[in-house]
N, C-alpha and C. Protein backbone atom coordinates (compact mmCIF):
# COMPACT_ATOMS: atom_id res chain seq x y z
N UNK A 1 -136.97 9.36 -42.68
CA UNK A 1 -136.12 8.15 -42.23
C UNK A 1 -135.28 9.07 -41.25
N UNK A 2 -134.64 10.28 -41.70
CA UNK A 2 -133.88 11.09 -40.58
C UNK A 2 -134.53 11.54 -39.60
N UNK A 3 -135.48 11.67 -39.36
CA UNK A 3 -136.36 12.17 -38.33
C UNK A 3 -136.18 11.93 -36.65
N UNK A 4 -135.87 10.70 -36.73
CA UNK A 4 -135.95 10.00 -35.40
C UNK A 4 -134.37 10.50 -34.57
N UNK A 5 -133.53 10.73 -35.70
CA UNK A 5 -132.13 10.94 -35.20
C UNK A 5 -132.30 12.65 -34.23
N UNK A 6 -133.28 13.34 -35.28
CA UNK A 6 -133.16 14.45 -34.68
C UNK A 6 -133.70 14.56 -32.98
N UNK A 7 -134.77 13.78 -33.33
CA UNK A 7 -135.35 13.60 -31.79
C UNK A 7 -134.53 13.13 -30.78
N UNK A 8 -133.75 12.46 -31.14
CA UNK A 8 -132.51 11.81 -29.94
C UNK A 8 -131.48 12.84 -29.86
N UNK A 9 -131.25 13.67 -30.71
CA UNK A 9 -129.96 14.59 -30.84
C UNK A 9 -131.01 15.70 -29.52
N UNK A 10 -131.69 16.19 -29.79
CA UNK A 10 -132.54 16.99 -28.92
C UNK A 10 -132.65 16.72 -27.74
N UNK A 11 -132.82 15.05 -27.50
CA UNK A 11 -133.23 14.97 -26.29
C UNK A 11 -131.57 14.57 -25.29
N UNK A 12 -130.55 14.62 -26.51
CA UNK A 12 -129.45 14.25 -25.40
C UNK A 12 -128.97 15.76 -25.42
N UNK A 13 -129.27 16.68 -25.99
CA UNK A 13 -129.23 18.35 -26.12
C UNK A 13 -129.66 18.45 -25.01
N UNK A 14 -130.75 18.55 -24.48
CA UNK A 14 -131.48 18.87 -23.21
C UNK A 14 -131.02 18.13 -21.98
N UNK A 15 -130.31 16.53 -22.45
CA UNK A 15 -129.76 16.10 -21.09
C UNK A 15 -128.53 16.90 -20.62
N UNK A 16 -128.09 16.91 -21.56
CA UNK A 16 -126.40 17.47 -21.19
C UNK A 16 -126.67 19.44 -21.15
N UNK A 17 -127.80 19.67 -21.10
CA UNK A 17 -127.95 21.08 -20.69
C UNK A 17 -128.01 20.93 -19.09
N UNK A 18 -128.94 20.14 -18.81
CA UNK A 18 -129.57 19.94 -17.55
C UNK A 18 -128.46 19.41 -16.61
N UNK A 19 -127.13 18.26 -17.00
CA UNK A 19 -126.08 18.07 -16.54
C UNK A 19 -124.93 19.08 -16.39
N UNK A 20 -124.66 19.36 -17.38
CA UNK A 20 -123.73 20.99 -17.09
C UNK A 20 -124.30 21.93 -15.84
N UNK A 21 -125.94 22.39 -16.23
CA UNK A 21 -126.30 23.15 -15.13
C UNK A 21 -126.13 22.52 -14.01
N UNK A 22 -126.67 21.47 -13.63
CA UNK A 22 -126.07 20.86 -12.36
C UNK A 22 -124.63 20.73 -11.56
N UNK A 23 -123.77 20.18 -12.50
CA UNK A 23 -122.43 20.07 -12.26
C UNK A 23 -122.02 22.17 -12.04
N UNK A 24 -122.31 22.65 -12.68
CA UNK A 24 -121.82 24.36 -12.36
C UNK A 24 -122.69 24.78 -11.06
N UNK A 25 -123.80 24.23 -10.50
CA UNK A 25 -124.59 24.76 -9.38
C UNK A 25 -123.69 24.08 -8.13
N UNK A 26 -123.38 22.51 -8.00
CA UNK A 26 -122.85 21.87 -7.34
C UNK A 26 -120.88 22.27 -7.13
N UNK A 27 -120.62 21.66 -7.93
CA UNK A 27 -119.12 21.97 -8.07
C UNK A 27 -118.87 23.22 -8.01
N UNK A 28 -119.25 24.07 -8.75
CA UNK A 28 -118.85 25.53 -9.10
C UNK A 28 -119.78 26.24 -7.89
N UNK A 29 -120.68 25.91 -7.17
CA UNK A 29 -121.78 26.80 -6.70
C UNK A 29 -121.76 28.50 -7.18
N UNK A 30 -122.15 27.81 -8.56
CA UNK A 30 -123.01 28.90 -9.46
C UNK A 30 -124.30 29.20 -9.25
N UNK A 31 -124.72 30.59 -8.48
CA UNK A 31 -125.91 30.92 -8.11
C UNK A 31 -126.77 31.60 -9.24
N UNK A 32 -126.59 31.73 -10.55
CA UNK A 32 -127.71 32.65 -11.24
C UNK A 32 -128.46 32.03 -12.01
N UNK A 33 -129.60 32.87 -11.75
CA UNK A 33 -131.00 32.48 -12.78
C UNK A 33 -130.59 31.48 -13.95
N UNK A 34 -129.90 32.22 -14.81
CA UNK A 34 -129.85 31.36 -16.02
C UNK A 34 -128.86 30.22 -15.84
N UNK A 35 -127.98 29.70 -15.18
CA UNK A 35 -127.97 28.48 -15.06
C UNK A 35 -129.04 27.32 -14.59
N UNK A 36 -129.93 27.75 -13.53
CA UNK A 36 -130.99 27.52 -13.20
C UNK A 36 -132.11 27.32 -14.27
N UNK A 37 -132.28 28.15 -15.59
CA UNK A 37 -133.09 27.81 -16.57
C UNK A 37 -132.61 27.06 -17.41
N UNK A 38 -131.33 26.78 -17.43
CA UNK A 38 -130.44 25.75 -18.19
C UNK A 38 -130.90 24.39 -17.87
N UNK A 39 -131.10 24.43 -16.57
CA UNK A 39 -131.27 23.01 -15.95
C UNK A 39 -132.83 22.40 -16.71
N UNK A 40 -134.05 23.69 -16.87
CA UNK A 40 -135.22 22.55 -16.99
C UNK A 40 -134.93 22.06 -18.60
N UNK A 41 -134.45 22.67 -19.20
CA UNK A 41 -134.33 21.46 -20.56
C UNK A 41 -134.16 19.84 -19.93
N UNK A 42 -133.27 20.02 -19.06
CA UNK A 42 -132.58 18.56 -19.37
C UNK A 42 -134.03 17.99 -18.18
N UNK A 43 -134.52 18.86 -17.22
CA UNK A 43 -135.82 18.17 -16.29
C UNK A 43 -136.69 17.63 -17.30
N UNK A 44 -137.22 18.21 -18.22
CA UNK A 44 -138.07 18.21 -19.32
C UNK A 44 -137.76 17.04 -20.17
N UNK A 45 -136.49 16.84 -20.72
CA UNK A 45 -135.87 15.56 -21.46
C UNK A 45 -136.12 14.15 -20.67
N UNK A 46 -135.58 14.42 -19.20
CA UNK A 46 -135.60 13.32 -18.17
C UNK A 46 -137.24 12.87 -17.94
N UNK A 47 -138.04 13.87 -18.01
CA UNK A 47 -139.35 13.48 -17.61
C UNK A 47 -139.93 12.70 -18.52
N UNK A 48 -139.32 12.88 -19.80
CA UNK A 48 -140.07 12.80 -21.18
C UNK A 48 -139.48 10.90 -21.03
N UNK A 49 -138.11 11.01 -21.23
CA UNK A 49 -137.85 9.32 -21.32
C UNK A 49 -138.12 8.48 -20.29
N UNK A 50 -138.36 9.07 -19.53
CA UNK A 50 -138.63 8.15 -17.86
C UNK A 50 -140.36 7.99 -18.23
N UNK A 51 -140.73 8.69 -18.73
CA UNK A 51 -142.56 8.18 -19.40
C UNK A 51 -142.64 7.55 -20.13
N UNK A 52 -141.67 7.69 -21.42
CA UNK A 52 -141.53 6.69 -22.40
C UNK A 52 -141.27 4.94 -21.58
N UNK A 53 -140.53 5.03 -20.53
CA UNK A 53 -139.82 3.75 -20.53
C UNK A 53 -140.80 3.05 -19.07
N UNK A 54 -141.91 4.02 -18.24
CA UNK A 54 -142.63 3.57 -17.15
C UNK A 54 -143.69 3.54 -17.45
N UNK A 55 -144.37 4.02 -18.50
CA UNK A 55 -145.91 4.31 -18.98
C UNK A 55 -145.84 3.32 -19.88
N UNK A 56 -146.61 2.51 -19.99
CA UNK A 56 -146.66 1.27 -21.54
C UNK A 56 -147.91 2.04 -22.52
N UNK A 57 -147.50 1.63 -23.49
CA UNK A 57 -148.44 2.05 -24.65
C UNK A 57 -149.34 1.02 -25.25
N UNK A 58 -150.49 1.15 -25.07
CA UNK A 58 -151.53 0.13 -25.28
C UNK A 58 -151.79 -0.12 -26.37
N UNK A 59 -151.43 1.01 -27.11
CA UNK A 59 -152.10 1.14 -28.40
C UNK A 59 -151.00 0.64 -30.05
């Protein structure tokens, strides 16, 4: 019953990490490899969400 809420929370945390990393790179001109590493969960979460909406499930 509570498991879908954990999934939504994990997706939102991944997207938030990606957004904060992008803000740090664009506005603050951050060049650290750790900031670039923080963008990866955001990209994976965005890829997952886009895949869920764009690719229909047949079964």
